[in-house]
Amino acid sequence: MLRILSVALVAITVIFSGITARAADFEKGLDAARAGDYGTALREWEPLAEQGDASAQYNLGLIYANGLGVPKDDVEAVRWYRLAAEQGNASAQFNLGVRYNKGGGVPIDDVEAVQWYRLASEQGHADAQYKLGIMYAYGLGVPKDDVEAVQWYRLAAEQGHADAQYNLGIM
């Protein structure tokens, strides 16, 4: 019994030390990005992103979308956003929705945009809720539905989203 407990304790220690190391690497990337050192941020986040870290994947999407320390690459940005979005990262889901709504690395597809906006909205992402309200208000990718538009505007407005508050006020 003592042997099993020892093995379990060692396994837990190894698992948590790996998690701690990954968190430290992610933080190094954040510190570098805040300092404008995007090359270091990229070097810290890329291995984490390749290992499936959704936050690192999202941040790489931002780096490529904005050309921060690398040539701007919309296709690469979408690749990283998609990987993070598929793991439930609400900000990545929102950004992927914007890409499908406005273009950039993918063909414009309002139906697909609505799907990504909805996933982010259901997690409480105010910008996604606002955009989903717009999609319903104008019938973009969904049938025009003012009741749905008001619902999504209201959720965003309750979080202090000024544009949603305005749109809600004029409906």
N, C-alpha and C. Protein backbone atom coordinates (compact mmCIF):
# COMPACT_ATOMS: atom_id res chain seq x y z
N MET A 1 0.82 -1.20 0.00
CA MET A 1 0.00 0.00 0.00
C MET A 1 0.87 1.26 0.00
N LEU A 2 1.93 1.24 0.80
CA LEU A 2 2.83 2.38 0.87
C LEU A 2 3.50 2.61 -0.47
N ARG A 3 3.84 1.52 -1.17
CA ARG A 3 4.47 1.63 -2.49
C ARG A 3 3.52 2.30 -3.49
N ILE A 4 2.26 1.92 -3.48
CA ILE A 4 1.26 2.51 -4.38
C ILE A 4 1.10 4.00 -4.07
N LEU A 5 1.06 4.34 -2.79
CA LEU A 5 0.94 5.73 -2.40
C LEU A 5 2.16 6.54 -2.85
N SER A 6 3.34 5.94 -2.73
CA SER A 6 4.58 6.62 -3.17
C SER A 6 4.57 6.86 -4.67
N VAL A 7 4.16 5.86 -5.42
CA VAL A 7 4.10 5.98 -6.88
C VAL A 7 3.09 7.06 -7.27
N ALA A 8 1.94 7.07 -6.61
CA ALA A 8 0.92 8.07 -6.91
C ALA A 8 1.42 9.47 -6.59
N LEU A 9 2.13 9.62 -5.48
CA LEU A 9 2.66 10.92 -5.10
C LEU A 9 3.70 11.41 -6.10
N VAL A 10 4.55 10.51 -6.56
CA VAL A 10 5.55 10.87 -7.58
C VAL A 10 4.85 11.29 -8.87
N ALA A 11 3.84 10.54 -9.28
CA ALA A 11 3.10 10.86 -10.51
C ALA A 11 2.44 12.23 -10.40
N ILE A 12 1.83 12.51 -9.28
CA ILE A 12 1.17 13.81 -9.08
C ILE A 12 2.20 14.93 -9.12
N THR A 13 3.35 14.71 -8.49
CA THR A 13 4.41 15.72 -8.48
C THR A 13 4.90 16.00 -9.90
N VAL A 14 5.10 14.95 -10.68
CA VAL A 14 5.55 15.11 -12.07
C VAL A 14 4.52 15.87 -12.88
N ILE A 15 3.26 15.52 -12.72
CA ILE A 15 2.19 16.19 -13.47
C ILE A 15 2.14 17.67 -13.12
N PHE A 16 2.14 17.99 -11.82
CA PHE A 16 2.04 19.39 -11.42
C PHE A 16 3.29 20.19 -11.74
N SER A 17 4.45 19.56 -11.72
CA SER A 17 5.66 20.30 -12.08
C SER A 17 5.63 20.64 -13.57
N GLY A 18 5.08 19.75 -14.39
CA GLY A 18 4.93 20.04 -15.82
C GLY A 18 3.96 21.17 -16.06
N ILE A 19 2.86 21.17 -15.31
CA ILE A 19 1.87 22.24 -15.43
C ILE A 19 2.49 23.56 -14.99
N THR A 20 3.22 23.54 -13.89
CA THR A 20 3.86 24.75 -13.38
C THR A 20 4.87 25.30 -14.38
N ALA A 21 5.66 24.41 -14.99
CA ALA A 21 6.65 24.85 -15.98
C ALA A 21 5.96 25.47 -17.19
N ARG A 22 4.86 24.86 -17.66
CA ARG A 22 4.13 25.42 -18.80
C ARG A 22 3.54 26.78 -18.45
N ALA A 23 3.01 26.90 -17.23
CA ALA A 23 2.45 28.19 -16.81
C ALA A 23 3.55 29.25 -16.75
N ALA A 24 4.72 28.87 -16.28
CA ALA A 24 5.84 29.82 -16.21
C ALA A 24 6.25 30.26 -17.61
N ASP A 25 6.30 29.31 -18.56
CA ASP A 25 6.65 29.65 -19.94
C ASP A 25 5.59 30.58 -20.54
N PHE A 26 4.32 30.31 -20.25
CA PHE A 26 3.26 31.17 -20.77
C PHE A 26 3.41 32.58 -20.21
N GLU A 27 3.69 32.68 -18.91
CA GLU A 27 3.89 33.99 -18.28
C GLU A 27 5.09 34.72 -18.87
N LYS A 28 6.16 33.98 -19.17
CA LYS A 28 7.33 34.61 -19.81
C LYS A 28 6.92 35.22 -21.15
N GLY A 29 6.08 34.49 -21.88
CA GLY A 29 5.58 35.00 -23.16
C GLY A 29 4.75 36.26 -22.97
N LEU A 30 3.89 36.27 -21.94
CA LEU A 30 3.08 37.45 -21.66
C LEU A 30 3.95 38.64 -21.30
N ASP A 31 4.93 38.40 -20.43
CA ASP A 31 5.84 39.49 -20.04
C ASP A 31 6.56 40.05 -21.26
N ALA A 32 7.03 39.15 -22.13
CA ALA A 32 7.74 39.59 -23.34
C ALA A 32 6.81 40.39 -24.25
N ALA A 33 5.58 39.92 -24.44
CA ALA A 33 4.63 40.63 -25.30
C ALA A 33 4.31 42.01 -24.74
N ARG A 34 4.13 42.08 -23.43
CA ARG A 34 3.85 43.39 -22.80
C ARG A 34 5.01 44.36 -23.01
N ALA A 35 6.22 43.81 -23.08
CA ALA A 35 7.41 44.65 -23.29
C ALA A 35 7.67 44.91 -24.77
N GLY A 36 6.81 44.37 -25.64
CA GLY A 36 6.98 44.57 -27.08
C GLY A 36 7.98 43.62 -27.71
N ASP A 37 8.42 42.61 -26.97
CA ASP A 37 9.37 41.62 -27.47
C ASP A 37 8.58 40.41 -27.99
N TYR A 38 8.01 40.57 -29.18
CA TYR A 38 7.13 39.53 -29.72
C TYR A 38 7.89 38.30 -30.18
N GLY A 39 9.15 38.46 -30.53
CA GLY A 39 9.96 37.30 -30.90
C GLY A 39 10.09 36.34 -29.74
N THR A 40 10.37 36.87 -28.56
CA THR A 40 10.46 36.02 -27.36
C THR A 40 9.10 35.44 -27.03
N ALA A 41 8.06 36.24 -27.13
CA ALA A 41 6.71 35.74 -26.86
C ALA A 41 6.40 34.57 -27.79
N LEU A 42 6.72 34.72 -29.05
CA LEU A 42 6.49 33.66 -30.03
C LEU A 42 7.26 32.40 -29.65
N ARG A 43 8.52 32.55 -29.27
CA ARG A 43 9.34 31.38 -28.89
C ARG A 43 8.80 30.68 -27.64
N GLU A 44 8.24 31.45 -26.72
CA GLU A 44 7.68 30.85 -25.50
C GLU A 44 6.34 30.16 -25.78
N TRP A 45 5.51 30.79 -26.60
CA TRP A 45 4.16 30.29 -26.81
C TRP A 45 4.06 29.18 -27.85
N GLU A 46 4.93 29.21 -28.85
CA GLU A 46 4.79 28.24 -29.93
C GLU A 46 4.86 26.79 -29.44
N PRO A 47 5.83 26.41 -28.60
CA PRO A 47 5.84 25.02 -28.13
C PRO A 47 4.59 24.69 -27.30
N LEU A 48 4.12 25.63 -26.52
CA LEU A 48 2.92 25.41 -25.73
C LEU A 48 1.71 25.23 -26.64
N ALA A 49 1.63 26.07 -27.67
CA ALA A 49 0.52 25.99 -28.62
C ALA A 49 0.54 24.65 -29.35
N GLU A 50 1.72 24.20 -29.73
CA GLU A 50 1.85 22.91 -30.42
C GLU A 50 1.42 21.76 -29.50
N GLN A 51 1.58 21.95 -28.19
CA GLN A 51 1.16 20.93 -27.22
C GLN A 51 -0.33 21.04 -26.88
N GLY A 52 -1.01 22.01 -27.49
CA GLY A 52 -2.46 22.12 -27.30
C GLY A 52 -2.92 23.16 -26.31
N ASP A 53 -2.05 24.05 -25.85
CA ASP A 53 -2.45 25.09 -24.91
C ASP A 53 -3.29 26.14 -25.64
N ALA A 54 -4.58 26.21 -25.30
CA ALA A 54 -5.52 27.09 -26.01
C ALA A 54 -5.16 28.56 -25.86
N SER A 55 -4.68 28.97 -24.70
CA SER A 55 -4.32 30.38 -24.51
C SER A 55 -3.12 30.75 -25.37
N ALA A 56 -2.15 29.86 -25.44
CA ALA A 56 -0.98 30.11 -26.30
C ALA A 56 -1.41 30.14 -27.76
N GLN A 57 -2.31 29.24 -28.15
CA GLN A 57 -2.80 29.21 -29.53
C GLN A 57 -3.50 30.53 -29.86
N TYR A 58 -4.34 31.00 -28.96
CA TYR A 58 -5.05 32.26 -29.17
C TYR A 58 -4.05 33.41 -29.33
N ASN A 59 -3.06 33.45 -28.45
CA ASN A 59 -2.08 34.54 -28.52
C ASN A 59 -1.25 34.49 -29.79
N LEU A 60 -0.94 33.30 -30.28
CA LEU A 60 -0.24 33.20 -31.57
C LEU A 60 -1.14 33.73 -32.68
N GLY A 61 -2.44 33.45 -32.59
CA GLY A 61 -3.38 34.02 -33.55
C GLY A 61 -3.30 35.53 -33.57
N LEU A 62 -3.24 36.14 -32.39
CA LEU A 62 -3.13 37.60 -32.31
C LEU A 62 -1.83 38.09 -32.93
N ILE A 63 -0.74 37.38 -32.64
CA ILE A 63 0.57 37.78 -33.18
C ILE A 63 0.54 37.79 -34.71
N TYR A 64 0.02 36.71 -35.31
CA TYR A 64 -0.01 36.63 -36.77
C TYR A 64 -1.06 37.57 -37.37
N ALA A 65 -2.18 37.74 -36.70
CA ALA A 65 -3.23 38.63 -37.22
C ALA A 65 -2.76 40.08 -37.28
N ASN A 66 -1.92 40.45 -36.34
CA ASN A 66 -1.48 41.84 -36.24
C ASN A 66 -0.06 42.07 -36.72
N GLY A 67 0.61 41.00 -37.17
CA GLY A 67 1.98 41.15 -37.65
C GLY A 67 2.92 41.65 -36.57
N LEU A 68 2.81 41.09 -35.39
CA LEU A 68 3.64 41.52 -34.25
C LEU A 68 4.92 40.70 -34.21
N GLY A 69 5.99 41.26 -34.75
CA GLY A 69 7.27 40.56 -34.76
C GLY A 69 7.40 39.52 -35.85
N VAL A 70 6.35 39.37 -36.63
CA VAL A 70 6.32 38.44 -37.77
C VAL A 70 5.56 39.14 -38.89
N PRO A 71 5.75 38.69 -40.13
CA PRO A 71 4.89 39.24 -41.19
C PRO A 71 3.43 38.90 -40.90
N LYS A 72 2.55 39.85 -41.14
CA LYS A 72 1.12 39.61 -40.95
C LYS A 72 0.70 38.44 -41.83
N ASP A 73 -0.03 37.49 -41.25
CA ASP A 73 -0.43 36.29 -41.97
C ASP A 73 -1.81 35.87 -41.50
N ASP A 74 -2.84 36.27 -42.25
CA ASP A 74 -4.21 35.99 -41.86
C ASP A 74 -4.52 34.50 -41.82
N VAL A 75 -3.95 33.74 -42.74
CA VAL A 75 -4.20 32.30 -42.78
C VAL A 75 -3.63 31.64 -41.52
N GLU A 76 -2.43 32.03 -41.15
CA GLU A 76 -1.80 31.48 -39.94
C GLU A 76 -2.57 31.92 -38.69
N ALA A 77 -3.04 33.15 -38.68
CA ALA A 77 -3.84 33.64 -37.56
C ALA A 77 -5.10 32.79 -37.40
N VAL A 78 -5.78 32.53 -38.51
CA VAL A 78 -6.99 31.72 -38.47
C VAL A 78 -6.68 30.31 -37.99
N ARG A 79 -5.57 29.76 -38.42
CA ARG A 79 -5.19 28.40 -37.98
C ARG A 79 -5.10 28.34 -36.46
N TRP A 80 -4.41 29.31 -35.87
CA TRP A 80 -4.24 29.31 -34.42
C TRP A 80 -5.55 29.63 -33.71
N TYR A 81 -6.31 30.58 -34.23
CA TYR A 81 -7.61 30.89 -33.63
C TYR A 81 -8.50 29.65 -33.63
N ARG A 82 -8.52 28.94 -34.75
CA ARG A 82 -9.38 27.76 -34.85
C ARG A 82 -9.01 26.70 -33.82
N LEU A 83 -7.70 26.45 -33.66
CA LEU A 83 -7.27 25.45 -32.69
C LEU A 83 -7.72 25.84 -31.28
N ALA A 84 -7.57 27.10 -30.94
CA ALA A 84 -7.99 27.57 -29.61
C ALA A 84 -9.52 27.56 -29.49
N ALA A 85 -10.20 27.99 -30.55
CA ALA A 85 -11.66 28.05 -30.54
C ALA A 85 -12.28 26.67 -30.38
N GLU A 86 -11.69 25.69 -31.02
CA GLU A 86 -12.21 24.32 -30.92
C GLU A 86 -12.06 23.76 -29.51
N GLN A 87 -11.19 24.37 -28.72
CA GLN A 87 -11.03 23.96 -27.32
C GLN A 87 -11.89 24.81 -26.39
N GLY A 88 -12.68 25.71 -26.96
CA GLY A 88 -13.60 26.49 -26.15
C GLY A 88 -13.11 27.86 -25.73
N ASN A 89 -12.01 28.34 -26.29
CA ASN A 89 -11.51 29.68 -25.95
C ASN A 89 -12.46 30.71 -26.56
N ALA A 90 -13.19 31.43 -25.71
CA ALA A 90 -14.23 32.36 -26.18
C ALA A 90 -13.66 33.49 -27.03
N SER A 91 -12.50 34.01 -26.66
CA SER A 91 -11.92 35.11 -27.45
C SER A 91 -11.51 34.62 -28.83
N ALA A 92 -10.99 33.41 -28.91
CA ALA A 92 -10.63 32.84 -30.21
C ALA A 92 -11.90 32.58 -31.03
N GLN A 93 -12.95 32.10 -30.39
CA GLN A 93 -14.22 31.89 -31.09
C GLN A 93 -14.73 33.21 -31.65
N PHE A 94 -14.66 34.26 -30.85
CA PHE A 94 -15.09 35.57 -31.32
C PHE A 94 -14.24 36.02 -32.51
N ASN A 95 -12.92 35.94 -32.38
CA ASN A 95 -12.05 36.40 -33.46
C ASN A 95 -12.25 35.59 -34.73
N LEU A 96 -12.51 34.30 -34.59
CA LEU A 96 -12.79 33.48 -35.76
C LEU A 96 -14.11 33.91 -36.39
N GLY A 97 -15.10 34.23 -35.55
CA GLY A 97 -16.36 34.77 -36.07
C GLY A 97 -16.15 36.05 -36.86
N VAL A 98 -15.31 36.93 -36.35
CA VAL A 98 -15.01 38.19 -37.05
C VAL A 98 -14.37 37.89 -38.40
N ARG A 99 -13.46 36.92 -38.43
CA ARG A 99 -12.79 36.57 -39.70
C ARG A 99 -13.82 36.09 -40.73
N TYR A 100 -14.75 35.25 -40.30
CA TYR A 100 -15.78 34.78 -41.24
C TYR A 100 -16.75 35.90 -41.61
N ASN A 101 -16.99 36.82 -40.72
CA ASN A 101 -17.92 37.92 -40.95
C ASN A 101 -17.32 38.99 -41.87
N LYS A 102 -16.06 39.30 -41.67
CA LYS A 102 -15.42 40.40 -42.40
C LYS A 102 -14.39 39.96 -43.43
N GLY A 103 -13.95 38.72 -43.35
CA GLY A 103 -12.89 38.24 -44.23
C GLY A 103 -11.53 38.37 -43.58
N GLY A 104 -10.58 37.66 -44.13
CA GLY A 104 -9.23 37.68 -43.61
C GLY A 104 -8.78 36.28 -43.24
N GLY A 105 -8.18 35.60 -44.19
CA GLY A 105 -7.70 34.24 -43.95
C GLY A 105 -8.71 33.17 -44.25
N VAL A 106 -9.96 33.55 -44.40
CA VAL A 106 -11.05 32.63 -44.76
C VAL A 106 -12.02 33.39 -45.65
N PRO A 107 -12.79 32.69 -46.46
CA PRO A 107 -13.83 33.38 -47.24
C PRO A 107 -14.93 33.90 -46.31
N ILE A 108 -15.53 35.00 -46.68
CA ILE A 108 -16.65 35.54 -45.89
C ILE A 108 -17.79 34.53 -45.91
N ASP A 109 -18.30 34.22 -44.73
CA ASP A 109 -19.38 33.25 -44.58
C ASP A 109 -20.14 33.61 -43.30
N ASP A 110 -21.23 34.35 -43.46
CA ASP A 110 -21.97 34.83 -42.29
C ASP A 110 -22.60 33.70 -41.48
N VAL A 111 -22.96 32.61 -42.12
CA VAL A 111 -23.52 31.47 -41.38
C VAL A 111 -22.46 30.92 -40.42
N GLU A 112 -21.25 30.77 -40.92
CA GLU A 112 -20.14 30.29 -40.09
C GLU A 112 -19.81 31.32 -39.00
N ALA A 113 -19.85 32.60 -39.35
CA ALA A 113 -19.59 33.65 -38.36
C ALA A 113 -20.58 33.55 -37.20
N VAL A 114 -21.85 33.36 -37.52
CA VAL A 114 -22.87 33.25 -36.48
C VAL A 114 -22.58 32.08 -35.56
N GLN A 115 -22.14 30.96 -36.12
CA GLN A 115 -21.85 29.79 -35.28
C GLN A 115 -20.75 30.10 -34.27
N TRP A 116 -19.68 30.77 -34.71
CA TRP A 116 -18.59 31.10 -33.80
C TRP A 116 -19.00 32.19 -32.81
N TYR A 117 -19.74 33.19 -33.29
CA TYR A 117 -20.22 34.23 -32.37
C TYR A 117 -21.11 33.61 -31.29
N ARG A 118 -21.95 32.67 -31.69
CA ARG A 118 -22.86 32.04 -30.73
C ARG A 118 -22.08 31.28 -29.65
N LEU A 119 -21.07 30.52 -30.06
CA LEU A 119 -20.28 29.78 -29.07
C LEU A 119 -19.63 30.72 -28.07
N ALA A 120 -19.06 31.81 -28.55
CA ALA A 120 -18.44 32.78 -27.64
C ALA A 120 -19.50 33.49 -26.80
N SER A 121 -20.63 33.81 -27.41
CA SER A 121 -21.72 34.50 -26.70
C SER A 121 -22.24 33.67 -25.54
N GLU A 122 -22.36 32.38 -25.77
CA GLU A 122 -22.88 31.49 -24.73
C GLU A 122 -21.94 31.38 -23.54
N GLN A 123 -20.69 31.82 -23.74
CA GLN A 123 -19.73 31.86 -22.63
C GLN A 123 -19.68 33.25 -22.00
N GLY A 124 -20.55 34.15 -22.46
CA GLY A 124 -20.62 35.48 -21.87
C GLY A 124 -19.71 36.52 -22.49
N HIS A 125 -19.18 36.25 -23.68
CA HIS A 125 -18.29 37.19 -24.36
C HIS A 125 -19.12 38.36 -24.90
N ALA A 126 -18.96 39.54 -24.29
CA ALA A 126 -19.81 40.70 -24.61
C ALA A 126 -19.69 41.14 -26.06
N ASP A 127 -18.48 41.18 -26.61
CA ASP A 127 -18.33 41.59 -28.01
C ASP A 127 -19.03 40.61 -28.95
N ALA A 128 -18.95 39.33 -28.63
CA ALA A 128 -19.63 38.32 -29.45
C ALA A 128 -21.14 38.47 -29.34
N GLN A 129 -21.63 38.75 -28.14
CA GLN A 129 -23.07 38.96 -27.95
C GLN A 129 -23.54 40.15 -28.78
N TYR A 130 -22.76 41.21 -28.76
CA TYR A 130 -23.09 42.40 -29.56
C TYR A 130 -23.12 42.06 -31.05
N LYS A 131 -22.08 41.36 -31.53
CA LYS A 131 -22.02 41.00 -32.95
C LYS A 131 -23.17 40.07 -33.32
N LEU A 132 -23.51 39.15 -32.43
CA LEU A 132 -24.62 38.24 -32.70
C LEU A 132 -25.93 39.03 -32.78
N GLY A 133 -26.06 40.05 -31.94
CA GLY A 133 -27.21 40.94 -32.03
C GLY A 133 -27.29 41.61 -33.39
N ILE A 134 -26.16 42.07 -33.89
CA ILE A 134 -26.11 42.70 -35.23
C ILE A 134 -26.54 41.70 -36.30
N MET A 135 -26.03 40.48 -36.19
CA MET A 135 -26.36 39.46 -37.20
C MET A 135 -27.87 39.24 -37.25
N TYR A 136 -28.51 39.17 -36.08
CA TYR A 136 -29.97 38.99 -36.05
C TYR A 136 -30.70 40.26 -36.48
N ALA A 137 -30.20 41.42 -36.10
CA ALA A 137 -30.88 42.67 -36.45
C ALA A 137 -30.91 42.89 -37.96
N TYR A 138 -29.87 42.44 -38.65
CA TYR A 138 -29.78 42.67 -40.10
C TYR A 138 -30.00 41.40 -40.93
N GLY A 139 -30.24 40.29 -40.28
CA GLY A 139 -30.46 39.05 -41.02
C GLY A 139 -29.22 38.57 -41.74
N LEU A 140 -28.09 38.62 -41.09
CA LEU A 140 -26.82 38.18 -41.69
C LEU A 140 -26.48 36.79 -41.18
N GLY A 141 -26.63 35.80 -42.04
CA GLY A 141 -26.32 34.42 -41.66
C GLY A 141 -27.42 33.74 -40.88
N VAL A 142 -28.44 34.50 -40.53
CA VAL A 142 -29.62 34.00 -39.81
C VAL A 142 -30.82 34.79 -40.31
N PRO A 143 -32.03 34.26 -40.13
CA PRO A 143 -33.19 35.07 -40.48
C PRO A 143 -33.25 36.32 -39.58
N LYS A 144 -33.65 37.45 -40.16
CA LYS A 144 -33.78 38.68 -39.38
C LYS A 144 -34.76 38.43 -38.24
N ASP A 145 -34.35 38.81 -37.02
CA ASP A 145 -35.18 38.54 -35.85
C ASP A 145 -34.86 39.59 -34.78
N ASP A 146 -35.72 40.60 -34.68
CA ASP A 146 -35.48 41.68 -33.72
C ASP A 146 -35.53 41.20 -32.27
N VAL A 147 -36.35 40.20 -31.99
CA VAL A 147 -36.43 39.68 -30.62
C VAL A 147 -35.09 39.07 -30.22
N GLU A 148 -34.51 38.28 -31.11
CA GLU A 148 -33.19 37.69 -30.85
C GLU A 148 -32.13 38.78 -30.75
N ALA A 149 -32.21 39.76 -31.64
CA ALA A 149 -31.23 40.85 -31.61
C ALA A 149 -31.26 41.55 -30.25
N VAL A 150 -32.46 41.85 -29.77
CA VAL A 150 -32.60 42.52 -28.47
C VAL A 150 -32.03 41.65 -27.36
N GLN A 151 -32.29 40.36 -27.42
CA GLN A 151 -31.77 39.45 -26.39
C GLN A 151 -30.25 39.54 -26.30
N TRP A 152 -29.58 39.46 -27.45
CA TRP A 152 -28.12 39.48 -27.46
C TRP A 152 -27.57 40.86 -27.13
N TYR A 153 -28.20 41.91 -27.65
CA TYR A 153 -27.78 43.26 -27.28
C TYR A 153 -27.90 43.47 -25.76
N ARG A 154 -29.01 43.00 -25.20
CA ARG A 154 -29.24 43.18 -23.76
C ARG A 154 -28.13 42.49 -22.95
N LEU A 155 -27.79 41.27 -23.31
CA LEU A 155 -26.73 40.56 -22.58
C LEU A 155 -25.41 41.32 -22.63
N ALA A 156 -25.08 41.84 -23.81
CA ALA A 156 -23.84 42.62 -23.94
C ALA A 156 -23.95 43.94 -23.19
N ALA A 157 -25.11 44.59 -23.29
CA ALA A 157 -25.32 45.88 -22.63
C ALA A 157 -25.20 45.75 -21.12
N GLU A 158 -25.69 44.65 -20.58
CA GLU A 158 -25.61 44.42 -19.13
C GLU A 158 -24.16 44.29 -18.65
N GLN A 159 -23.26 44.02 -19.58
CA GLN A 159 -21.84 43.94 -19.24
C GLN A 159 -21.13 45.27 -19.52
N GLY A 160 -21.91 46.29 -19.86
CA GLY A 160 -21.34 47.61 -20.09
C GLY A 160 -20.90 47.88 -21.51
N HIS A 161 -21.30 47.05 -22.46
CA HIS A 161 -20.91 47.24 -23.86
C HIS A 161 -21.68 48.44 -24.42
N ALA A 162 -20.99 49.55 -24.66
CA ALA A 162 -21.63 50.81 -25.04
C ALA A 162 -22.38 50.72 -26.37
N ASP A 163 -21.80 50.08 -27.37
CA ASP A 163 -22.48 49.98 -28.67
C ASP A 163 -23.75 49.14 -28.55
N ALA A 164 -23.71 48.09 -27.74
CA ALA A 164 -24.90 47.28 -27.52
C ALA A 164 -25.96 48.10 -26.79
N GLN A 165 -25.54 48.90 -25.83
CA GLN A 165 -26.48 49.77 -25.12
C GLN A 165 -27.15 50.74 -26.09
N TYR A 166 -26.37 51.31 -26.98
CA TYR A 166 -26.91 52.24 -27.97
C TYR A 166 -27.91 51.52 -28.88
N ASN A 167 -27.49 50.38 -29.44
CA ASN A 167 -28.37 49.65 -30.35
C ASN A 167 -29.64 49.20 -29.66
N LEU A 168 -29.52 48.81 -28.41
CA LEU A 168 -30.69 48.41 -27.64
C LEU A 168 -31.63 49.61 -27.46
N GLY A 169 -31.04 50.77 -27.23
CA GLY A 169 -31.83 51.98 -27.03
C GLY A 169 -32.59 52.44 -28.26
N ILE A 170 -32.07 52.15 -29.44
CA ILE A 170 -32.75 52.62 -30.66
C ILE A 170 -33.67 51.58 -31.27
N MET A 171 -33.73 50.40 -30.67
CA MET A 171 -34.60 49.36 -31.24
C MET A 171 -36.04 49.53 -30.77
